[in-house]
Amino acid sequence: MINFEALFKISYGLYIVSSGTKAYGNGFVSNTVFQVTSGPPRFAACCNKENHSAGLIKSTGHFSVSILQSDAAATTIGTFGFKSGKDLNKMEGMDLKYGETGVPIVLNDAIAYMEFKVIETYDVGTHLMFIGELLHADVLDPDSEALTYLHYRQVKKGVAPKNAPTYIDKTKLEKKSAGGEFAKFECAACGYIYDEEKEGIKFDDLPDDWLCPICGSEKEDFFKL
């Protein structure tokens, strides 16, 4: 038996990993970026094979990591964590810079950033693990604290996107209802609660293209409380 609550005790940060060029770039929210060597400094970043960013990292051979602040906006996490670059240009309207490698660096809600050159790629099943050698890093906000996955879950009430290495099927997180005519559904990206009793419309009766009014996540990203 696996008690999935045990997995939530592992410490993670929350980052935006980006790649591409000035002409076109993409990024995704990751909680699996970690340092693996000190000299030279090298980091590992995991990316789901189905992520649009995986192909960009492989083609450019570079990626950037934006370290998010603890009060990062739900819209930032929603865009990069719960939307696909195959469907929209995530970089449009974002505060960007292009570093030494030419890859986009997302500055929204970032307290620091790093740029990497891919030196090894490992197939670890559902994900690719990119080992990057650190080329450049800088601090944007020395006074703000970094966003941790624990803070994201406990305070922001968020869960991992479905392509994240730490994703757990939302049906395993749903709590049994104590009964009653109405139910509540929570947005996995930003924690917004859809209350059927207050809204007067059953969640299942909402149109399939209905979006979270706070962060724009899709209906399928909600889970029942």
Protein backbone atom coordinates (compact mmCIF):
# COMPACT_ATOMS: atom_id res chain seq x y z
CA MET A 1 0.00 0.00 0.00
CA ILE A 2 1.20 3.53 -0.79
CA ASN A 3 0.11 6.36 1.47
CA PHE A 4 0.43 9.27 -0.97
CA GLU A 5 0.52 11.75 1.92
CA ALA A 6 4.05 10.49 2.64
CA LEU A 7 5.20 11.79 -0.74
CA PHE A 8 4.09 15.30 0.20
CA LYS A 9 6.69 15.34 3.00
CA ILE A 10 9.51 15.53 0.45
CA SER A 11 10.78 19.09 0.05
CA TYR A 12 10.62 20.80 -3.36
CA GLY A 13 10.84 24.27 -4.81
CA LEU A 14 8.65 25.64 -7.60
CA TYR A 15 10.16 26.99 -10.80
CA ILE A 16 9.42 27.95 -14.39
CA VAL A 17 11.66 26.07 -16.83
CA SER A 18 11.85 27.70 -20.25
CA SER A 19 13.49 27.13 -23.61
CA GLY A 20 13.22 28.23 -27.22
CA THR A 21 14.30 31.39 -29.04
CA LYS A 22 13.26 35.02 -29.43
CA ALA A 23 11.02 33.92 -32.28
CA TYR A 24 9.24 31.29 -30.21
CA GLY A 25 9.59 30.06 -26.67
CA ASN A 26 7.72 27.99 -24.12
CA GLY A 27 7.93 27.09 -20.47
CA PHE A 28 6.39 24.94 -17.75
CA VAL A 29 6.11 24.88 -13.98
CA SER A 30 8.46 22.36 -12.40
CA ASN A 31 9.10 21.25 -8.85
CA THR A 32 11.96 18.95 -9.84
CA VAL A 33 14.97 21.18 -10.40
CA PHE A 34 17.90 20.31 -8.18
CA GLN A 35 21.68 20.63 -8.01
CA VAL A 36 23.65 17.43 -8.64
CA THR A 37 27.30 18.62 -8.63
CA SER A 38 29.21 21.61 -7.26
CA GLY A 39 32.27 21.84 -9.49
CA PRO A 40 31.25 22.68 -12.09
CA PRO A 41 27.74 23.43 -10.84
CA ARG A 42 25.28 21.17 -12.63
CA PHE A 43 21.55 20.79 -12.16
CA ALA A 44 18.90 18.29 -13.17
CA ALA A 45 15.49 19.30 -14.51
CA CYS A 46 12.75 16.80 -15.33
CA CYS A 47 10.28 17.36 -18.16
CA ASN A 48 7.39 15.17 -19.24
CA LYS A 49 7.97 13.74 -22.71
CA GLU A 50 4.57 15.07 -23.79
CA ASN A 51 5.43 18.64 -22.76
CA HIS A 52 5.95 21.00 -25.69
CA SER A 53 9.04 22.30 -23.86
CA ALA A 54 10.77 18.92 -24.04
CA GLY A 55 11.26 19.26 -27.79
CA LEU A 56 12.49 22.84 -27.44
CA ILE A 57 15.09 21.90 -24.83
CA LYS A 58 16.32 19.06 -27.03
CA SER A 59 16.51 21.25 -30.15
CA THR A 60 18.20 24.28 -28.55
CA GLY A 61 20.37 22.39 -26.07
CA HIS A 62 19.69 25.06 -23.46
CA PHE A 63 17.12 25.98 -20.85
CA SER A 64 16.50 28.58 -18.17
CA VAL A 65 15.05 28.28 -14.68
CA SER A 66 13.10 31.09 -13.01
CA ILE A 67 12.85 30.71 -9.22
CA LEU A 68 9.37 31.79 -8.14
CA GLN A 69 8.58 33.93 -5.11
CA SER A 70 6.33 32.66 -2.33
CA ASP A 71 3.42 34.91 -3.31
CA ALA A 72 3.59 34.14 -7.02
CA ALA A 73 0.36 34.99 -8.81
CA ALA A 74 -2.10 32.20 -9.51
CA THR A 75 -2.27 33.36 -13.13
CA THR A 76 1.47 32.78 -13.57
CA ILE A 77 1.26 29.26 -12.14
CA GLY A 78 -1.95 28.59 -14.05
CA THR A 79 -0.47 29.64 -17.40
CA PHE A 80 2.79 27.74 -17.13
CA GLY A 81 1.53 24.82 -15.05
CA PHE A 82 -1.91 23.99 -16.41
CA LYS A 83 -1.91 25.13 -20.03
CA SER A 84 -0.14 23.67 -23.06
CA GLY A 85 2.22 25.54 -25.36
CA LYS A 86 0.65 23.55 -28.18
CA ASP A 87 -2.56 25.51 -27.68
CA LEU A 88 -1.31 29.04 -26.93
CA ASN A 89 1.79 31.20 -26.78
CA LYS A 90 2.55 31.23 -23.06
CA MET A 91 5.22 33.91 -23.49
CA GLU A 92 2.81 36.45 -24.97
CA GLY A 93 2.37 39.35 -22.55
CA MET A 94 4.99 38.03 -20.14
CA ASP A 95 7.94 39.99 -18.76
CA LEU A 96 10.88 38.32 -20.51
CA LYS A 97 14.58 38.69 -21.03
CA TYR A 98 16.86 36.70 -23.28
CA GLY A 99 20.07 35.54 -21.72
CA GLU A 100 23.50 34.56 -22.91
CA THR A 101 22.15 31.38 -24.52
CA GLY A 102 19.28 33.15 -26.30
CA VAL A 103 16.57 31.23 -24.43
CA PRO A 104 13.68 33.17 -22.87
CA ILE A 105 13.78 33.83 -19.13
CA VAL A 106 10.46 34.50 -17.39
CA LEU A 107 10.77 37.39 -14.92
CA ASN A 108 7.16 37.37 -13.69
CA ASP A 109 7.14 36.56 -9.96
CA ALA A 110 10.80 35.48 -10.16
CA ILE A 111 13.37 36.22 -7.44
CA ALA A 112 16.33 34.75 -9.36
CA TYR A 113 17.11 32.92 -12.58
CA MET A 114 19.68 30.55 -14.06
CA GLU A 115 20.73 29.50 -17.57
CA PHE A 116 21.99 26.05 -18.50
CA LYS A 117 23.63 24.14 -21.32
CA VAL A 118 22.35 20.56 -21.63
CA ILE A 119 25.23 18.10 -21.29
CA GLU A 120 23.31 14.87 -20.70
CA THR A 121 19.75 13.66 -21.24
CA TYR A 122 18.31 10.59 -19.52
CA ASP A 123 15.09 8.78 -20.33
CA VAL A 124 13.51 8.02 -16.95
CA GLY A 125 10.14 6.70 -18.14
CA THR A 126 7.38 9.29 -18.46
CA HIS A 127 9.96 12.07 -18.20
CA LEU A 128 13.28 13.18 -19.61
CA MET A 129 15.91 14.29 -17.12
CA PHE A 130 18.08 17.05 -18.52
CA ILE A 131 21.44 17.58 -16.84
CA GLY A 132 22.49 21.17 -17.37
CA GLU A 133 25.76 22.91 -16.67
CA LEU A 134 25.21 26.34 -15.12
CA LEU A 135 26.34 29.14 -17.44
CA HIS A 136 24.81 32.22 -15.83
CA ALA A 137 22.74 33.13 -12.77
CA ASP A 138 21.49 36.31 -11.17
CA VAL A 139 19.31 37.51 -8.29
CA LEU A 140 16.32 39.73 -9.05
CA ASP A 141 14.80 40.17 -5.58
CA PRO A 142 17.12 39.42 -2.63
CA ASP A 143 14.45 40.10 -0.01
CA SER A 144 11.63 37.77 -1.11
CA GLU A 145 11.41 34.10 -0.17
CA ALA A 146 11.26 31.29 -2.70
CA LEU A 147 8.02 29.41 -3.27
CA THR A 148 8.12 25.83 -2.00
CA TYR A 149 5.84 23.03 -3.06
CA LEU A 150 4.72 22.67 0.57
CA HIS A 151 3.62 26.32 0.65
CA TYR A 152 1.95 25.87 -2.72
CA ARG A 153 -0.07 22.92 -1.41
CA GLN A 154 -0.86 24.08 2.14
CA VAL A 155 -1.32 27.83 1.65
CA LYS A 156 -2.22 28.21 -2.03
CA LYS A 157 -4.11 24.88 -1.96
CA GLY A 158 -2.61 23.80 -5.27
CA VAL A 159 -1.67 20.36 -6.59
CA ALA A 160 0.86 19.21 -9.16
CA PRO A 161 -0.04 19.52 -12.87
CA LYS A 162 -0.82 16.20 -14.58
CA ASN A 163 2.52 16.14 -16.42
CA ALA A 164 4.59 16.75 -13.28
CA PRO A 165 6.74 13.92 -11.87
CA THR A 166 4.92 14.38 -8.54
CA TYR A 167 1.41 14.29 -10.03
CA ILE A 168 -1.12 12.14 -8.20
CA ASP A 169 -4.44 11.29 -9.83
CA LYS A 170 -6.96 13.74 -8.41
CA THR A 171 -9.43 10.92 -7.69
CA LYS A 172 -6.98 9.73 -5.04
CA LEU A 173 -7.12 13.15 -3.41
CA GLU A 174 -10.88 13.61 -3.44
CA LYS A 175 -12.53 13.51 -0.07
CA LYS A 176 -15.70 11.55 0.50
CA SER A 177 -18.76 13.75 0.69
CA ALA A 178 -20.66 13.91 3.95
CA GLY A 179 -23.85 14.01 1.93
CA GLY A 180 -26.05 16.87 0.82
CA GLU A 181 -27.47 18.20 -2.38
CA PHE A 182 -24.60 20.51 -3.31
CA ALA A 183 -20.87 19.98 -3.68
CA LYS A 184 -17.70 22.07 -3.90
CA PHE A 185 -14.91 21.78 -6.44
CA GLU A 186 -11.41 23.18 -6.08
CA CYS A 187 -9.11 24.49 -8.81
CA ALA A 188 -5.87 22.54 -8.68
CA ALA A 189 -3.90 25.54 -9.94
CA CYS A 190 -4.98 28.41 -7.73
CA GLY A 191 -7.25 26.96 -5.02
CA TYR A 192 -10.42 28.74 -6.17
CA ILE A 193 -13.52 26.99 -4.79
CA TYR A 194 -16.57 26.56 -6.99
CA ASP A 195 -19.53 26.25 -4.61
CA GLU A 196 -22.59 24.79 -6.34
CA GLU A 197 -24.93 26.11 -3.65
CA LYS A 198 -23.69 29.70 -4.02
CA GLU A 199 -23.45 29.59 -7.80
CA GLY A 200 -26.80 27.89 -8.30
CA ILE A 201 -25.45 25.67 -11.07
CA LYS A 202 -24.14 22.13 -10.74
CA PHE A 203 -20.48 21.85 -11.66
CA ASP A 204 -21.23 19.03 -14.10
CA ASP A 205 -23.74 21.29 -15.86
CA LEU A 206 -21.12 23.94 -16.65
CA PRO A 207 -20.05 23.97 -20.32
CA ASP A 208 -16.95 21.96 -21.22
CA ASP A 209 -15.09 25.13 -22.19
CA TRP A 210 -15.78 26.81 -18.82
CA LEU A 211 -12.59 28.20 -17.23
CA CYS A 212 -11.55 29.07 -13.70
CA PRO A 213 -12.48 32.74 -13.16
CA ILE A 214 -9.25 33.35 -11.23
CA CYS A 215 -6.46 31.68 -13.20
CA GLY A 216 -8.12 30.41 -16.36
CA SER A 217 -7.54 26.71 -15.72
CA GLU A 218 -9.82 24.27 -17.51
CA LYS A 219 -12.79 22.51 -15.95
CA GLU A 220 -10.92 19.18 -15.91
CA ASP A 221 -8.32 20.70 -13.57
CA PHE A 222 -10.88 20.93 -10.74
CA PHE A 223 -11.36 18.18 -8.19
CA LYS A 224 -14.29 17.53 -5.89
CA LEU A 225 -14.02 18.28 -2.18
